[in-house]
């Protein structure tokens, strides 16, 4: 994968991270995290996976490979 492609994936993942965080904040502000804990947990899983994936793509880009 070229650096440009890594950066594109990193940027797309940042969008997922930002959207998930904003949705989590709305959940928390309206107490939906307590009323819908399973949905909130799934949202948190999406957020956490996007953060992990972004970290891996960043590391790969910095190492100049894969």
PDB file of N, CA and C in Angstrom:
ATOM      1  N   UNK A   1       0.852  -1.166   0.000  1.00  0.00           N
ATOM      2  CA  UNK A   1       0.000   0.000   0.000  1.00  0.00           C
ATOM      3  C   UNK A   1       0.903   1.235   0.000  1.00  0.00           C
ATOM      4  N   UNK A   2       0.550   2.188  -0.796  1.00  0.00           N
ATOM      5  CA  UNK A   2       1.334   3.422  -0.864  1.00  0.00           C
ATOM      6  C   UNK A   2       0.933   4.371   0.268  1.00  0.00           C
ATOM      7  N   UNK A   3       1.819   5.325   0.561  1.00  0.00           N
ATOM      8  CA  UNK A   3       1.555   6.275   1.651  1.00  0.00           C
ATOM      9  C   UNK A   3       0.237   7.016   1.442  1.00  0.00           C
ATOM     10  N   UNK A   4      -0.043   7.383   0.216  1.00  0.00           N
ATOM     11  CA  UNK A   4      -1.294   8.097  -0.086  1.00  0.00           C
ATOM     12  C   UNK A   4      -2.502   7.235   0.261  1.00  0.00           C
ATOM     13  N   UNK A   5      -2.418   5.948  -0.032  1.00  0.00           N
ATOM     14  CA  UNK A   5      -3.524   5.043   0.273  1.00  0.00           C
ATOM     15  C   UNK A   5      -3.673   4.855   1.789  1.00  0.00           C
ATOM     16  N   UNK A   6      -2.552   4.743   2.476  1.00  0.00           N
ATOM     17  CA  UNK A   6      -2.609   4.660   3.932  1.00  0.00           C
ATOM     18  C   UNK A   6      -3.297   5.906   4.500  1.00  0.00           C
ATOM     19  N   UNK A   7      -2.886   7.061   4.008  1.00  0.00           N
ATOM     20  CA  UNK A   7      -3.447   8.306   4.522  1.00  0.00           C
ATOM     21  C   UNK A   7      -4.938   8.397   4.245  1.00  0.00           C
ATOM     22  N   UNK A   8      -5.363   7.913   3.089  1.00  0.00           N
ATOM     23  CA  UNK A   8      -6.790   7.936   2.758  1.00  0.00           C
ATOM     24  C   UNK A   8      -7.580   7.067   3.743  1.00  0.00           C
ATOM     25  N   UNK A   9      -7.063   5.879   4.044  1.00  0.00           N
ATOM     26  CA  UNK A   9      -7.743   4.995   4.999  1.00  0.00           C
ATOM     27  C   UNK A   9      -7.757   5.629   6.389  1.00  0.00           C
ATOM     28  N   UNK A  10      -6.627   6.207   6.785  1.00  0.00           N
ATOM     29  CA  UNK A  10      -6.533   6.876   8.082  1.00  0.00           C
ATOM     30  C   UNK A  10      -7.567   7.994   8.182  1.00  0.00           C
ATOM     31  N   UNK A  11      -7.699   8.776   7.123  1.00  0.00           N
ATOM     32  CA  UNK A  11      -8.666   9.871   7.108  1.00  0.00           C
ATOM     33  C   UNK A  11     -10.102   9.361   7.176  1.00  0.00           C
ATOM     34  N   UNK A  12     -10.394   8.292   6.445  1.00  0.00           N
ATOM     35  CA  UNK A  12     -11.739   7.718   6.487  1.00  0.00           C
ATOM     36  C   UNK A  12     -12.054   7.181   7.885  1.00  0.00           C
ATOM     37  N   UNK A  13     -11.089   6.528   8.480  1.00  0.00           N
ATOM     38  CA  UNK A  13     -11.290   6.025   9.844  1.00  0.00           C
ATOM     39  C   UNK A  13     -11.499   7.171  10.826  1.00  0.00           C
ATOM     40  N   UNK A  14     -10.829   8.303  10.598  1.00  0.00           N
ATOM     41  CA  UNK A  14     -11.036   9.457  11.472  1.00  0.00           C
ATOM     42  C   UNK A  14     -12.488   9.921  11.406  1.00  0.00           C
ATOM     43  N   UNK A  15     -13.079   9.860  10.216  1.00  0.00           N
ATOM     44  CA  UNK A  15     -14.491  10.202  10.077  1.00  0.00           C
ATOM     45  C   UNK A  15     -15.380   9.266  10.883  1.00  0.00           C
ATOM     46  N   UNK A  16     -15.072   7.969  10.841  1.00  0.00           N
ATOM     47  CA  UNK A  16     -15.829   6.990  11.627  1.00  0.00           C
ATOM     48  C   UNK A  16     -15.663   7.279  13.117  1.00  0.00           C
ATOM     49  N   UNK A  17     -14.430   7.565  13.536  1.00  0.00           N
ATOM     50  CA  UNK A  17     -14.146   7.866  14.932  1.00  0.00           C
ATOM     51  C   UNK A  17     -14.928   9.102  15.381  1.00  0.00           C
ATOM     52  N   UNK A  18     -14.877  10.157  14.585  1.00  0.00           N
ATOM     53  CA  UNK A  18     -15.580  11.395  14.934  1.00  0.00           C
ATOM     54  C   UNK A  18     -17.086  11.181  15.018  1.00  0.00           C
ATOM     55  N   UNK A  19     -17.634  10.456  14.046  1.00  0.00           N
ATOM     56  CA  UNK A  19     -19.081  10.194  14.038  1.00  0.00           C
ATOM     57  C   UNK A  19     -19.497   9.335  15.228  1.00  0.00           C
ATOM     58  N   UNK A  20     -18.719   8.303  15.504  1.00  0.00           N
ATOM     59  CA  UNK A  20     -19.052   7.429  16.632  1.00  0.00           C
ATOM     60  C   UNK A  20     -18.977   8.199  17.947  1.00  0.00           C
ATOM     61  N   UNK A  21     -17.947   9.012  18.107  1.00  0.00           N
ATOM     62  CA  UNK A  21     -17.800   9.788  19.350  1.00  0.00           C
ATOM     63  C   UNK A  21     -18.961  10.768  19.507  1.00  0.00           C
ATOM     64  N   UNK A  22     -19.347  11.429  18.418  1.00  0.00           N
ATOM     65  CA  UNK A  22     -20.464  12.376  18.482  1.00  0.00           C
ATOM     66  C   UNK A  22     -21.763  11.655  18.841  1.00  0.00           C
ATOM     67  N   UNK A  23     -21.966  10.470  18.278  1.00  0.00           N
ATOM     68  CA  UNK A  23     -23.169   9.701  18.586  1.00  0.00           C
ATOM     69  C   UNK A  23     -23.138   9.231  20.043  1.00  0.00           C
ATOM     70  N   UNK A  24     -21.969   8.814  20.521  1.00  0.00           N
ATOM     71  CA  UNK A  24     -21.847   8.412  21.923  1.00  0.00           C
ATOM     72  C   UNK A  24     -22.161   9.585  22.849  1.00  0.00           C
ATOM     73  N   UNK A  25     -21.702  10.762  22.491  1.00  0.00           N
ATOM     74  CA  UNK A  25     -22.002  11.945  23.308  1.00  0.00           C
ATOM     75  C   UNK A  25     -23.491  12.235  23.336  1.00  0.00           C
ATOM     76  N   UNK A  26     -24.169  12.057  22.196  1.00  0.00           N
ATOM     77  CA  UNK A  26     -25.622  12.255  22.172  1.00  0.00           C
ATOM     78  C   UNK A  26     -26.322  11.201  23.027  1.00  0.00           C
ATOM     79  N   UNK A  27     -25.847   9.958  22.940  1.00  0.00           N
ATOM     80  CA  UNK A  27     -26.399   8.899  23.789  1.00  0.00           C
ATOM     81  C   UNK A  27     -26.282   9.292  25.251  1.00  0.00           C
ATOM     82  N   UNK A  28     -25.090   9.736  25.640  1.00  0.00           N
ATOM     83  CA  UNK A  28     -24.844  10.084  27.038  1.00  0.00           C
ATOM     84  C   UNK A  28     -25.673  11.283  27.482  1.00  0.00           C
ATOM     85  N   UNK A  29     -25.834  12.254  26.616  1.00  0.00           N
ATOM     86  CA  UNK A  29     -26.583  13.469  26.964  1.00  0.00           C
ATOM     87  C   UNK A  29     -28.067  13.199  27.167  1.00  0.00           C
ATOM     88  N   UNK A  30     -28.566  12.162  26.530  1.00  0.00           N
ATOM     89  CA  UNK A  30     -29.993  11.848  26.625  1.00  0.00           C
ATOM     90  C   UNK A  30     -30.260  10.596  27.460  1.00  0.00           C
ATOM     91  N   UNK A  31     -29.245  10.125  28.171  1.00  0.00           N
ATOM     92  CA  UNK A  31     -29.338   8.919  29.006  1.00  0.00           C
ATOM     93  C   UNK A  31     -29.679   7.652  28.230  1.00  0.00           C
ATOM     94  N   UNK A  32     -29.490   7.686  26.925  1.00  0.00           N
ATOM     95  CA  UNK A  32     -29.750   6.488  26.127  1.00  0.00           C
ATOM     96  C   UNK A  32     -28.703   5.415  26.394  1.00  0.00           C
ATOM     97  N   UNK A  33     -27.525   5.831  26.867  1.00  0.00           N
ATOM     98  CA  UNK A  33     -26.503   4.838  27.209  1.00  0.00           C
ATOM     99  C   UNK A  33     -26.979   3.935  28.337  1.00  0.00           C
ATOM    100  N   UNK A  34     -27.840   4.454  29.196  1.00  0.00           N
ATOM    101  CA  UNK A  34     -28.396   3.664  30.292  1.00  0.00           C
ATOM    102  C   UNK A  34     -29.656   2.916  29.867  1.00  0.00           C
ATOM    103  N   UNK A  35     -30.435   3.519  28.974  1.00  0.00           N
ATOM    104  CA  UNK A  35     -31.683   2.877  28.533  1.00  0.00           C
ATOM    105  C   UNK A  35     -31.452   1.851  27.436  1.00  0.00           C
ATOM    106  N   UNK A  36     -30.357   2.013  26.686  1.00  0.00           N
ATOM    107  CA  UNK A  36     -30.040   1.103  25.579  1.00  0.00           C
ATOM    108  C   UNK A  36     -28.575   0.667  25.683  1.00  0.00           C
ATOM    109  N   UNK A  37     -28.226  -0.018  26.761  1.00  0.00           N
ATOM    110  CA  UNK A  37     -26.814  -0.344  26.981  1.00  0.00           C
ATOM    111  C   UNK A  37     -26.201  -1.236  25.901  1.00  0.00           C
ATOM    112  N   UNK A  38     -26.983  -2.154  25.337  1.00  0.00           N
ATOM    113  CA  UNK A  38     -26.435  -3.021  24.284  1.00  0.00           C
ATOM    114  C   UNK A  38     -26.061  -2.205  23.048  1.00  0.00           C
ATOM    115  N   UNK A  39     -26.922  -1.282  22.670  1.00  0.00           N
ATOM    116  CA  UNK A  39     -26.636  -0.434  21.516  1.00  0.00           C
ATOM    117  C   UNK A  39     -25.441   0.479  21.790  1.00  0.00           C
ATOM    118  N   UNK A  40     -25.371   0.989  22.993  1.00  0.00           N
ATOM    119  CA  UNK A  40     -24.245   1.845  23.366  1.00  0.00           C
ATOM    120  C   UNK A  40     -22.937   1.049  23.343  1.00  0.00           C
ATOM    121  N   UNK A  41     -22.977  -0.183  23.822  1.00  0.00           N
ATOM    122  CA  UNK A  41     -21.787  -1.037  23.792  1.00  0.00           C
ATOM    123  C   UNK A  41     -21.345  -1.320  22.362  1.00  0.00           C
ATOM    124  N   UNK A  42     -22.289  -1.573  21.485  1.00  0.00           N
ATOM    125  CA  UNK A  42     -21.950  -1.811  20.077  1.00  0.00           C
ATOM    126  C   UNK A  42     -21.326  -0.573  19.458  1.00  0.00           C
ATOM    127  N   UNK A  43     -21.862   0.572  19.784  1.00  0.00           N
ATOM    128  CA  UNK A  43     -21.306   1.835  19.292  1.00  0.00           C
ATOM    129  C   UNK A  43     -19.883   2.019  19.801  1.00  0.00           C
ATOM    130  N   UNK A  44     -19.669   1.700  21.061  1.00  0.00           N
ATOM    131  CA  UNK A  44     -18.321   1.800  21.631  1.00  0.00           C
ATOM    132  C   UNK A  44     -17.364   0.821  20.939  1.00  0.00           C
ATOM    133  N   UNK A  45     -17.844  -0.373  20.604  1.00  0.00           N
ATOM    134  CA  UNK A  45     -17.022  -1.349  19.888  1.00  0.00           C
ATOM    135  C   UNK A  45     -16.602  -0.814  18.514  1.00  0.00           C
ATOM    136  N   UNK A  46     -17.524  -0.165  17.823  1.00  0.00           N
ATOM    137  CA  UNK A  46     -17.206   0.434  16.521  1.00  0.00           C
ATOM    138  C   UNK A  46     -16.125   1.496  16.690  1.00  0.00           C
ATOM    139  N   UNK A  47     -16.304   2.338  17.690  1.00  0.00           N
ATOM    140  CA  UNK A  47     -15.331   3.394  17.980  1.00  0.00           C
ATOM    141  C   UNK A  47     -13.956   2.800  18.278  1.00  0.00           C
ATOM    142  N   UNK A  48     -13.915   1.814  19.168  1.00  0.00           N
ATOM    143  CA  UNK A  48     -12.649   1.211  19.575  1.00  0.00           C
ATOM    144  C   UNK A  48     -11.958   0.511  18.406  1.00  0.00           C
ATOM    145  N   UNK A  49     -12.723  -0.176  17.572  1.00  0.00           N
ATOM    146  CA  UNK A  49     -12.132  -0.857  16.413  1.00  0.00           C
ATOM    147  C   UNK A  49     -11.565   0.154  15.430  1.00  0.00           C
ATOM    148  N   UNK A  50     -12.263   1.229  15.200  1.00  0.00           N
ATOM    149  CA  UNK A  50     -11.769   2.256  14.280  1.00  0.00           C
ATOM    150  C   UNK A  50     -10.480   2.880  14.802  1.00  0.00           C
ATOM    151  N   UNK A  51     -10.408   3.112  16.103  1.00  0.00           N
ATOM    152  CA  UNK A  51      -9.183   3.668  16.705  1.00  0.00           C
ATOM    153  C   UNK A  51      -8.025   2.683  16.533  1.00  0.00           C
ATOM    154  N   UNK A  52      -8.278   1.400  16.811  1.00  0.00           N
ATOM    155  CA  UNK A  52      -7.226   0.378  16.657  1.00  0.00           C
ATOM    156  C   UNK A  52      -6.771   0.281  15.206  1.00  0.00           C
ATOM    157  N   UNK A  53      -7.731   0.231  14.292  1.00  0.00           N
ATOM    158  CA  UNK A  53      -7.391   0.118  12.874  1.00  0.00           C
ATOM    159  C   UNK A  53      -6.601   1.333  12.401  1.00  0.00           C
ATOM    160  N   UNK A  54      -7.014   2.510  12.848  1.00  0.00           N
ATOM    161  CA  UNK A  54      -6.301   3.726  12.463  1.00  0.00           C
ATOM    162  C   UNK A  54      -4.861   3.686  12.975  1.00  0.00           C
ATOM    163  N   UNK A  55      -4.673   3.212  14.182  1.00  0.00           N
ATOM    164  CA  UNK A  55      -3.332   3.103  14.754  1.00  0.00           C
ATOM    165  C   UNK A  55      -2.472   2.164  13.906  1.00  0.00           C
ATOM    166  N   UNK A  56      -3.045   1.019  13.506  1.00  0.00           N
ATOM    167  CA  UNK A  56      -2.299   0.052  12.706  1.00  0.00           C
ATOM    168  C   UNK A  56      -1.919   0.634  11.339  1.00  0.00           C
ATOM    169  N   UNK A  57      -2.840   1.318  10.700  1.00  0.00           N
ATOM    170  CA  UNK A  57      -2.530   1.935   9.407  1.00  0.00           C
ATOM    171  C   UNK A  57      -1.485   3.034   9.553  1.00  0.00           C
ATOM    172  N   UNK A  58      -1.547   3.772  10.639  1.00  0.00           N
ATOM    173  CA  UNK A  58      -0.555   4.810  10.880  1.00  0.00           C
ATOM    174  C   UNK A  58       0.829   4.185  11.070  1.00  0.00           C
ATOM    175  N   UNK A  59       0.890   3.133  11.860  1.00  0.00           N
ATOM    176  CA  UNK A  59       2.174   2.443  12.072  1.00  0.00           C
ATOM    177  C   UNK A  59       2.724   1.886  10.777  1.00  0.00           C
ATOM    178  N   UNK A  60       1.866   1.272   9.969  1.00  0.00           N
ATOM    179  CA  UNK A  60       2.302   0.720   8.689  1.00  0.00           C
ATOM    180  C   UNK A  60       2.820   1.821   7.765  1.00  0.00           C
ATOM    181  N   UNK A  61       2.137   2.946   7.750  1.00  0.00           N
ATOM    182  CA  UNK A  61       2.573   4.053   6.904  1.00  0.00           C
ATOM    183  C   UNK A  61       3.934   4.577   7.376  1.00  0.00           C
ATOM    184  N   UNK A  62       4.103   4.721   8.688  1.00  0.00           N
ATOM    185  CA  UNK A  62       5.369   5.230   9.227  1.00  0.00           C
ATOM    186  C   UNK A  62       6.523   4.268   8.981  1.00  0.00           C
ATOM    187  N   UNK A  63       6.202   2.980   8.912  1.00  0.00           N
ATOM    188  CA  UNK A  63       7.238   1.985   8.672  1.00  0.00           C
ATOM    189  C   UNK A  63       7.494   1.790   7.185  1.00  0.00           C
ATOM    190  N   UNK A  64       6.643   2.437   6.361  1.00  0.00           N
ATOM    191  CA  UNK A  64       6.841   2.405   4.915  1.00  0.00           C
ATOM    192  C   UNK A  64       6.483   1.095   4.235  1.00  0.00           C
ATOM    193  N   UNK A  65       5.527   0.395   4.793  1.00  0.00           N
ATOM    194  CA  UNK A  65       5.176  -0.878   4.152  1.00  0.00           C
ATOM    195  C   UNK A  65       3.757  -1.285   4.375  1.00  0.00           C
ATOM    196  N   UNK A  66       3.507  -2.465   3.821  1.00  0.00           N
ATOM    197  CA  UNK A  66       2.226  -3.145   3.930  1.00  0.00           C
ATOM    198  C   UNK A  66       1.100  -2.229   3.674  1.00  0.00           C
TER     199      UNK A  66
END
